[in-house]
Amino acid sequence: MSTKKVLGKFLPFIGIILIVGLVGWGLFTASNVNGSSAKEGDKAPDFSLPMVGGGEFKLSEFEGKKNVLLYFQEGIMCPPCWTQEVDLEKQQAQFDALDTQIVMITVDPPDALAQAKAQYGIKNTLLYDNGLGASAKYDVLLDSMHPGERPGHVFVLVDKEGIIRWRYSAYQPSSSMGDHHSGGGSGTMYVPVDFVMGNVKNALPSKGASQ
């Protein structure tokens, strides 16, 4: 059999292998931008993102001032994600007592996010992760029902020193992924607020609310 015929026979299979490899590499690089490290005990990666409604949010500006609970979610296509924020804000007084600012991060066009924020009556900060940069730094693109495309339903608590004190994913991917991807919830895209609050209280240093 000639070389041309051999290549012609196996070319479709080679193409499939290349496509699978490229997709896998894309997911790997999306979750490892800048050599991201965002596990409990790590220094929280800094980022700047536009706020829905105007202005710019920079995480490092909260150091020495407030704890920050980053809430990554999947966007306007996920109603339970927004209900989660509504219910968190019902307990706003408790978060205020812990000196903790809730910051929601997702994708979708800013106008659509502004409409959703108004529809659900969201008062806390909502950030537009336009290039998935923050989502990649915090390695939340694999904790998602849309891997590599949207951040998953993930909480990351950053204390006043800029250290990650607690991390929890509502979506549980394959246990073979290891690290923080191997632990998580049921994938229902909603976490009981009492569970979130209890973990925030337990994770912060004893002086976290009084500084």
C-alpha atoms as a PDB file:
ATOM      1  CA  MET A   1       0.000   0.000   0.000  1.00  0.00           C
ATOM      2  CA  SER A   2       1.380   3.412  -0.963  1.00  0.00           C
ATOM      3  CA  THR A   3       2.287   6.089   1.590  1.00  0.00           C
ATOM      4  CA  LYS A   4      -0.471   8.317   0.211  1.00  0.00           C
ATOM      5  CA  LYS A   5      -3.121   5.615   0.722  1.00  0.00           C
ATOM      6  CA  VAL A   6      -1.890   4.917   4.264  1.00  0.00           C
ATOM      7  CA  LEU A   7      -2.075   8.592   5.166  1.00  0.00           C
ATOM      8  CA  GLY A   8      -5.512   8.855   3.583  1.00  0.00           C
ATOM      9  CA  LYS A   9      -6.765   5.933   5.646  1.00  0.00           C
ATOM     10  CA  PHE A  10      -5.553   7.263   8.990  1.00  0.00           C
ATOM     11  CA  LEU A  11      -5.919  11.016   8.425  1.00  0.00           C
ATOM     12  CA  PRO A  12      -9.460  11.220   9.942  1.00  0.00           C
ATOM     13  CA  PHE A  13      -8.254   9.479  13.108  1.00  0.00           C
ATOM     14  CA  ILE A  14      -5.235  11.785  13.361  1.00  0.00           C
ATOM     15  CA  GLY A  15      -7.579  14.785  13.061  1.00  0.00           C
ATOM     16  CA  ILE A  16      -9.772  13.502  15.892  1.00  0.00           C
ATOM     17  CA  ILE A  17      -6.736  12.955  18.124  1.00  0.00           C
ATOM     18  CA  LEU A  18      -5.500  16.481  17.415  1.00  0.00           C
ATOM     19  CA  ILE A  19      -8.905  18.032  18.192  1.00  0.00           C
ATOM     20  CA  VAL A  20      -9.208  16.131  21.486  1.00  0.00           C
ATOM     21  CA  GLY A  21      -5.674  17.149  22.402  1.00  0.00           C
ATOM     22  CA  LEU A  22      -6.313  20.823  21.666  1.00  0.00           C
ATOM     23  CA  VAL A  23      -9.521  20.853  23.725  1.00  0.00           C
ATOM     24  CA  GLY A  24      -7.737  19.220  26.633  1.00  0.00           C
ATOM     25  CA  TRP A  25      -4.876  21.682  26.407  1.00  0.00           C
ATOM     26  CA  GLY A  26      -7.329  24.585  26.299  1.00  0.00           C
ATOM     27  CA  LEU A  27      -8.987  23.433  29.514  1.00  0.00           C
ATOM     28  CA  PHE A  28      -5.607  22.926  31.156  1.00  0.00           C
ATOM     29  CA  THR A  29      -4.316  26.362  30.256  1.00  0.00           C
ATOM     30  CA  ALA A  30      -7.605  28.037  31.188  1.00  0.00           C
ATOM     31  CA  SER A  31      -7.303  26.709  34.727  1.00  0.00           C
ATOM     32  CA  ASN A  32      -3.575  27.349  35.053  1.00  0.00           C
ATOM     33  CA  VAL A  33      -3.127  30.898  33.760  1.00  0.00           C
ATOM     34  CA  ASN A  34      -0.122  32.591  35.371  1.00  0.00           C
ATOM     35  CA  GLY A  35       0.608  29.365  37.257  1.00  0.00           C
ATOM     36  CA  SER A  36      -2.435  30.004  39.425  1.00  0.00           C
ATOM     37  CA  SER A  37      -2.449  28.819  43.001  1.00  0.00           C
ATOM     38  CA  ALA A  38      -5.635  29.457  44.896  1.00  0.00           C
ATOM     39  CA  LYS A  39      -5.922  26.820  47.589  1.00  0.00           C
ATOM     40  CA  GLU A  40      -6.650  27.340  51.269  1.00  0.00           C
ATOM     41  CA  GLY A  41      -3.615  28.882  52.922  1.00  0.00           C
ATOM     42  CA  ASP A  42      -2.334  30.463  49.692  1.00  0.00           C
ATOM     43  CA  LYS A  43      -1.919  34.154  49.091  1.00  0.00           C
ATOM     44  CA  ALA A  44      -4.992  35.191  47.121  1.00  0.00           C
ATOM     45  CA  PRO A  45      -4.125  36.153  43.518  1.00  0.00           C
ATOM     46  CA  ASP A  46      -4.836  39.818  42.949  1.00  0.00           C
ATOM     47  CA  PHE A  47      -7.109  40.937  40.124  1.00  0.00           C
ATOM     48  CA  SER A  48      -8.975  43.951  38.811  1.00  0.00           C
ATOM     49  CA  LEU A  49     -12.386  43.691  37.170  1.00  0.00           C
ATOM     50  CA  PRO A  50     -15.077  46.132  36.056  1.00  0.00           C
ATOM     51  CA  MET A  51     -18.072  46.420  38.354  1.00  0.00           C
ATOM     52  CA  VAL A  52     -21.539  46.124  36.862  1.00  0.00           C
ATOM     53  CA  GLY A  53     -22.950  49.620  37.172  1.00  0.00           C
ATOM     54  CA  GLY A  54     -19.574  51.322  36.825  1.00  0.00           C
ATOM     55  CA  GLY A  55     -16.201  51.487  38.503  1.00  0.00           C
ATOM     56  CA  GLU A  56     -13.308  49.082  38.937  1.00  0.00           C
ATOM     57  CA  PHE A  57     -12.777  46.512  41.690  1.00  0.00           C
ATOM     58  CA  LYS A  58      -9.251  45.598  42.831  1.00  0.00           C
ATOM     59  CA  LEU A  59      -8.971  42.824  45.419  1.00  0.00           C
ATOM     60  CA  SER A  60      -5.711  44.003  46.988  1.00  0.00           C
ATOM     61  CA  GLU A  61      -7.324  47.304  47.981  1.00  0.00           C
ATOM     62  CA  PHE A  62      -9.254  45.405  50.677  1.00  0.00           C
ATOM     63  CA  GLU A  63      -6.122  44.165  52.458  1.00  0.00           C
ATOM     64  CA  GLY A  64      -6.003  45.451  56.007  1.00  0.00           C
ATOM     65  CA  LYS A  65      -9.597  46.675  55.698  1.00  0.00           C
ATOM     66  CA  LYS A  66     -12.083  43.861  55.067  1.00  0.00           C
ATOM     67  CA  ASN A  67     -12.411  40.149  54.524  1.00  0.00           C
ATOM     68  CA  VAL A  68     -13.797  39.340  51.076  1.00  0.00           C
ATOM     69  CA  LEU A  69     -16.035  36.407  50.166  1.00  0.00           C
ATOM     70  CA  LEU A  70     -15.630  35.842  46.428  1.00  0.00           C
ATOM     71  CA  TYR A  71     -18.652  34.101  44.976  1.00  0.00           C
ATOM     72  CA  PHE A  72     -18.045  32.788  41.450  1.00  0.00           C
ATOM     73  CA  GLN A  73     -21.181  31.719  39.590  1.00  0.00           C
ATOM     74  CA  GLU A  74     -22.297  30.629  36.143  1.00  0.00           C
ATOM     75  CA  GLY A  75     -24.253  33.685  35.022  1.00  0.00           C
ATOM     76  CA  ILE A  76     -27.731  34.648  33.868  1.00  0.00           C
ATOM     77  CA  MET A  77     -28.442  31.121  32.615  1.00  0.00           C
ATOM     78  CA  CYS A  78     -28.388  29.854  36.227  1.00  0.00           C
ATOM     79  CA  PRO A  79     -31.361  31.155  38.284  1.00  0.00           C
ATOM     80  CA  PRO A  80     -30.301  29.245  41.453  1.00  0.00           C
ATOM     81  CA  CYS A  81     -26.979  31.106  41.322  1.00  0.00           C
ATOM     82  CA  TRP A  82     -28.829  34.389  41.686  1.00  0.00           C
ATOM     83  CA  THR A  83     -31.178  33.032  44.340  1.00  0.00           C
ATOM     84  CA  GLN A  84     -28.011  32.087  46.238  1.00  0.00           C
ATOM     85  CA  GLU A  85     -26.924  35.740  46.312  1.00  0.00           C
ATOM     86  CA  VAL A  86     -30.411  36.924  47.270  1.00  0.00           C
ATOM     87  CA  ASP A  87     -30.402  34.576  50.253  1.00  0.00           C
ATOM     88  CA  LEU A  88     -26.870  35.550  51.240  1.00  0.00           C
ATOM     89  CA  GLU A  89     -27.913  39.200  51.300  1.00  0.00           C
ATOM     90  CA  LYS A  90     -30.785  38.348  53.641  1.00  0.00           C
ATOM     91  CA  GLN A  91     -28.035  37.592  56.173  1.00  0.00           C
ATOM     92  CA  GLN A  92     -26.072  40.737  55.314  1.00  0.00           C
ATOM     93  CA  ALA A  93     -26.004  41.902  58.934  1.00  0.00           C
ATOM     94  CA  GLN A  94     -24.083  38.771  59.936  1.00  0.00           C
ATOM     95  CA  PHE A  95     -21.540  39.273  57.178  1.00  0.00           C
ATOM     96  CA  ASP A  96     -21.186  42.927  58.186  1.00  0.00           C
ATOM     97  CA  ALA A  97     -20.531  41.828  61.780  1.00  0.00           C
ATOM     98  CA  LEU A  98     -17.693  39.668  60.441  1.00  0.00           C
ATOM     99  CA  ASP A  99     -16.308  42.576  58.428  1.00  0.00           C
ATOM    100  CA  THR A 100     -16.842  40.524  55.282  1.00  0.00           C
ATOM    101  CA  GLN A 101     -17.715  41.922  51.869  1.00  0.00           C
ATOM    102  CA  ILE A 102     -19.519  39.594  49.430  1.00  0.00           C
ATOM    103  CA  VAL A 103     -18.355  39.979  45.832  1.00  0.00           C
ATOM    104  CA  MET A 104     -20.086  38.054  43.039  1.00  0.00           C
ATOM    105  CA  ILE A 105     -18.121  37.242  39.861  1.00  0.00           C
ATOM    106  CA  THR A 106     -19.511  35.910  36.600  1.00  0.00           C
ATOM    107  CA  VAL A 107     -19.600  36.387  32.829  1.00  0.00           C
ATOM    108  CA  ASP A 108     -22.254  37.470  30.263  1.00  0.00           C
ATOM    109  CA  PRO A 109     -22.557  40.958  28.727  1.00  0.00           C
ATOM    110  CA  PRO A 110     -22.596  43.831  31.274  1.00  0.00           C
ATOM    111  CA  ASP A 111     -26.059  45.016  30.173  1.00  0.00           C
ATOM    112  CA  ALA A 112     -27.530  41.552  30.759  1.00  0.00           C
ATOM    113  CA  LEU A 113     -25.836  41.346  34.161  1.00  0.00           C
ATOM    114  CA  ALA A 114     -27.136  44.780  35.114  1.00  0.00           C
ATOM    115  CA  GLN A 115     -30.654  43.678  34.193  1.00  0.00           C
ATOM    116  CA  ALA A 116     -30.327  40.486  36.251  1.00  0.00           C
ATOM    117  CA  LYS A 117     -28.936  42.420  39.200  1.00  0.00           C
ATOM    118  CA  ALA A 118     -31.936  44.745  39.120  1.00  0.00           C
ATOM    119  CA  GLN A 119     -34.391  41.890  38.605  1.00  0.00           C
ATOM    120  CA  TYR A 120     -33.155  40.012  41.670  1.00  0.00           C
ATOM    121  CA  GLY A 121     -32.602  43.129  43.746  1.00  0.00           C
ATOM    122  CA  ILE A 122     -28.894  42.407  44.249  1.00  0.00           C
ATOM    123  CA  LYS A 123     -27.141  45.113  46.280  1.00  0.00           C
ATOM    124  CA  ASN A 124     -23.639  43.701  46.691  1.00  0.00           C
ATOM    125  CA  THR A 125     -20.803  44.120  44.217  1.00  0.00           C
ATOM    126  CA  LEU A 126     -21.162  42.225  40.933  1.00  0.00           C
ATOM    127  CA  LEU A 127     -18.076  41.870  38.740  1.00  0.00           C
ATOM    128  CA  TYR A 128     -17.851  41.176  35.035  1.00  0.00           C
ATOM    129  CA  ASP A 129     -15.035  38.699  34.359  1.00  0.00           C
ATOM    130  CA  ASN A 130     -14.894  39.611  30.699  1.00  0.00           C
ATOM    131  CA  GLY A 131     -11.773  37.618  29.784  1.00  0.00           C
ATOM    132  CA  LEU A 132     -12.120  34.845  32.391  1.00  0.00           C
ATOM    133  CA  GLY A 133      -8.869  36.124  33.904  1.00  0.00           C
ATOM    134  CA  ALA A 134      -9.976  36.070  37.541  1.00  0.00           C
ATOM    135  CA  SER A 135     -11.800  32.766  37.056  1.00  0.00           C
ATOM    136  CA  ALA A 136      -8.606  31.220  35.696  1.00  0.00           C
ATOM    137  CA  LYS A 137      -6.462  32.632  38.500  1.00  0.00           C
ATOM    138  CA  TYR A 138      -8.803  31.098  41.056  1.00  0.00           C
ATOM    139  CA  ASP A 139      -8.993  27.834  39.134  1.00  0.00           C
ATOM    140  CA  VAL A 140     -12.796  27.703  39.024  1.00  0.00           C
ATOM    141  CA  LEU A 141     -13.246  26.934  35.334  1.00  0.00           C
ATOM    142  CA  LEU A 142     -13.155  23.180  35.901  1.00  0.00           C
ATOM    143  CA  ASP A 143     -15.594  23.395  38.827  1.00  0.00           C
ATOM    144  CA  SER A 144     -18.289  24.159  36.275  1.00  0.00           C
ATOM    145  CA  MET A 145     -21.082  22.601  34.267  1.00  0.00           C
ATOM    146  CA  HIS A 146     -19.515  24.444  31.315  1.00  0.00           C
ATOM    147  CA  PRO A 147     -15.792  23.649  31.750  1.00  0.00           C
ATOM    148  CA  GLY A 148     -13.464  26.266  30.382  1.00  0.00           C
ATOM    149  CA  GLU A 149     -16.302  28.612  29.417  1.00  0.00           C
ATOM    150  CA  ARG A 150     -17.859  29.787  32.682  1.00  0.00           C
ATOM    151  CA  PRO A 151     -16.814  29.898  36.328  1.00  0.00           C
ATOM    152  CA  GLY A 152     -18.411  27.290  38.517  1.00  0.00           C
ATOM    153  CA  HIS A 153     -20.412  27.844  41.707  1.00  0.00           C
ATOM    154  CA  VAL A 154     -17.431  28.397  44.011  1.00  0.00           C
ATOM    155  CA  PHE A 155     -16.862  30.343  47.236  1.00  0.00           C
ATOM    156  CA  VAL A 156     -13.401  31.654  48.143  1.00  0.00           C
ATOM    157  CA  LEU A 157     -12.908  33.508  51.441  1.00  0.00           C
ATOM    158  CA  VAL A 158      -9.974  35.933  51.514  1.00  0.00           C
ATOM    159  CA  ASP A 159      -9.064  37.417  54.894  1.00  0.00           C
ATOM    160  CA  LYS A 160      -7.719  40.889  55.668  1.00  0.00           C
ATOM    161  CA  GLU A 161      -4.167  39.694  55.165  1.00  0.00           C
ATOM    162  CA  GLY A 162      -4.990  38.524  51.668  1.00  0.00           C
ATOM    163  CA  ILE A 163      -4.856  34.818  52.557  1.00  0.00           C
ATOM    164  CA  ILE A 164      -7.393  32.276  51.321  1.00  0.00           C
ATOM    165  CA  ARG A 165      -9.041  30.852  54.448  1.00  0.00           C
ATOM    166  CA  TRP A 166     -11.847  28.768  52.936  1.00  0.00           C
ATOM    167  CA  ARG A 167     -12.783  27.427  49.541  1.00  0.00           C
ATOM    168  CA  TYR A 168     -15.852  25.415  48.561  1.00  0.00           C
ATOM    169  CA  SER A 169     -17.268  24.252  45.252  1.00  0.00           C
ATOM    170  CA  ALA A 170     -20.965  23.454  44.878  1.00  0.00           C
ATOM    171  CA  TYR A 171     -20.140  21.431  41.797  1.00  0.00           C
ATOM    172  CA  GLN A 172     -18.174  18.209  42.203  1.00  0.00           C
ATOM    173  CA  PRO A 173     -16.159  17.215  39.138  1.00  0.00           C
ATOM    174  CA  SER A 174     -14.236  13.985  38.663  1.00  0.00           C
ATOM    175  CA  SER A 175     -12.352  12.840  41.752  1.00  0.00           C
ATOM    176  CA  SER A 176      -9.363  12.145  39.527  1.00  0.00           C
ATOM    177  CA  MET A 177      -8.663  15.872  39.219  1.00  0.00           C
ATOM    178  CA  GLY A 178      -7.125  16.071  42.678  1.00  0.00           C
ATOM    179  CA  ASP A 179      -6.403  19.202  44.728  1.00  0.00           C
ATOM    180  CA  HIS A 180      -9.496  21.268  45.518  1.00  0.00           C
ATOM    181  CA  HIS A 181     -11.340  19.905  42.483  1.00  0.00           C
ATOM    182  CA  SER A 182     -11.855  16.564  44.200  1.00  0.00           C
ATOM    183  CA  GLY A 183     -14.016  17.975  46.993  1.00  0.00           C
ATOM    184  CA  GLY A 184     -17.294  19.759  46.673  1.00  0.00           C
ATOM    185  CA  GLY A 185     -21.021  19.565  46.860  1.00  0.00           C
ATOM    186  CA  SER A 186     -23.795  17.918  44.929  1.00  0.00           C
ATOM    187  CA  GLY A 187     -23.773  20.157  41.877  1.00  0.00           C
ATOM    188  CA  THR A 188     -27.187  21.668  42.646  1.00  0.00           C
ATOM    189  CA  MET A 189     -25.824  25.205  42.120  1.00  0.00           C
ATOM    190  CA  TYR A 190     -27.044  26.277  45.549  1.00  0.00           C
ATOM    191  CA  VAL A 191     -25.360  26.065  48.942  1.00  0.00           C
ATOM    192  CA  PRO A 192     -27.364  26.537  52.179  1.00  0.00           C
ATOM    193  CA  VAL A 193     -26.594  29.963  53.600  1.00  0.00           C
ATOM    194  CA  ASP A 194     -26.126  28.558  57.106  1.00  0.00           C
ATOM    195  CA  PHE A 195     -23.396  26.318  55.709  1.00  0.00           C
ATOM    196  CA  VAL A 196     -21.649  29.274  54.079  1.00  0.00           C
ATOM    197  CA  MET A 197     -21.971  31.440  57.171  1.00  0.00           C
ATOM    198  CA  GLY A 198     -20.711  28.712  59.498  1.00  0.00           C
ATOM    199  CA  ASN A 199     -17.632  28.120  57.382  1.00  0.00           C
ATOM    200  CA  VAL A 200     -16.883  31.825  57.102  1.00  0.00           C
ATOM    201  CA  LYS A 201     -17.063  32.185  60.885  1.00  0.00           C
ATOM    202  CA  ASN A 202     -14.880  29.129  61.477  1.00  0.00           C
ATOM    203  CA  ALA A 203     -12.307  30.049  58.841  1.00  0.00           C
ATOM    204  CA  LEU A 204     -11.585  33.619  59.877  1.00  0.00           C
ATOM    205  CA  PRO A 205      -8.953  34.347  62.515  1.00  0.00           C
ATOM    206  CA  SER A 206     -10.512  35.006  65.916  1.00  0.00           C
ATOM    207  CA  LYS A 207      -9.730  38.703  65.553  1.00  0.00           C
ATOM    208  CA  GLY A 208     -11.040  38.859  61.980  1.00  0.00           C
ATOM    209  CA  ALA A 209     -14.274  40.634  62.868  1.00  0.00           C
ATOM    210  CA  SER A 210     -12.820  43.078  65.347  1.00  0.00           C
ATOM    211  CA  GLN A 211      -9.954  44.610  63.369  1.00  0.00           C
END
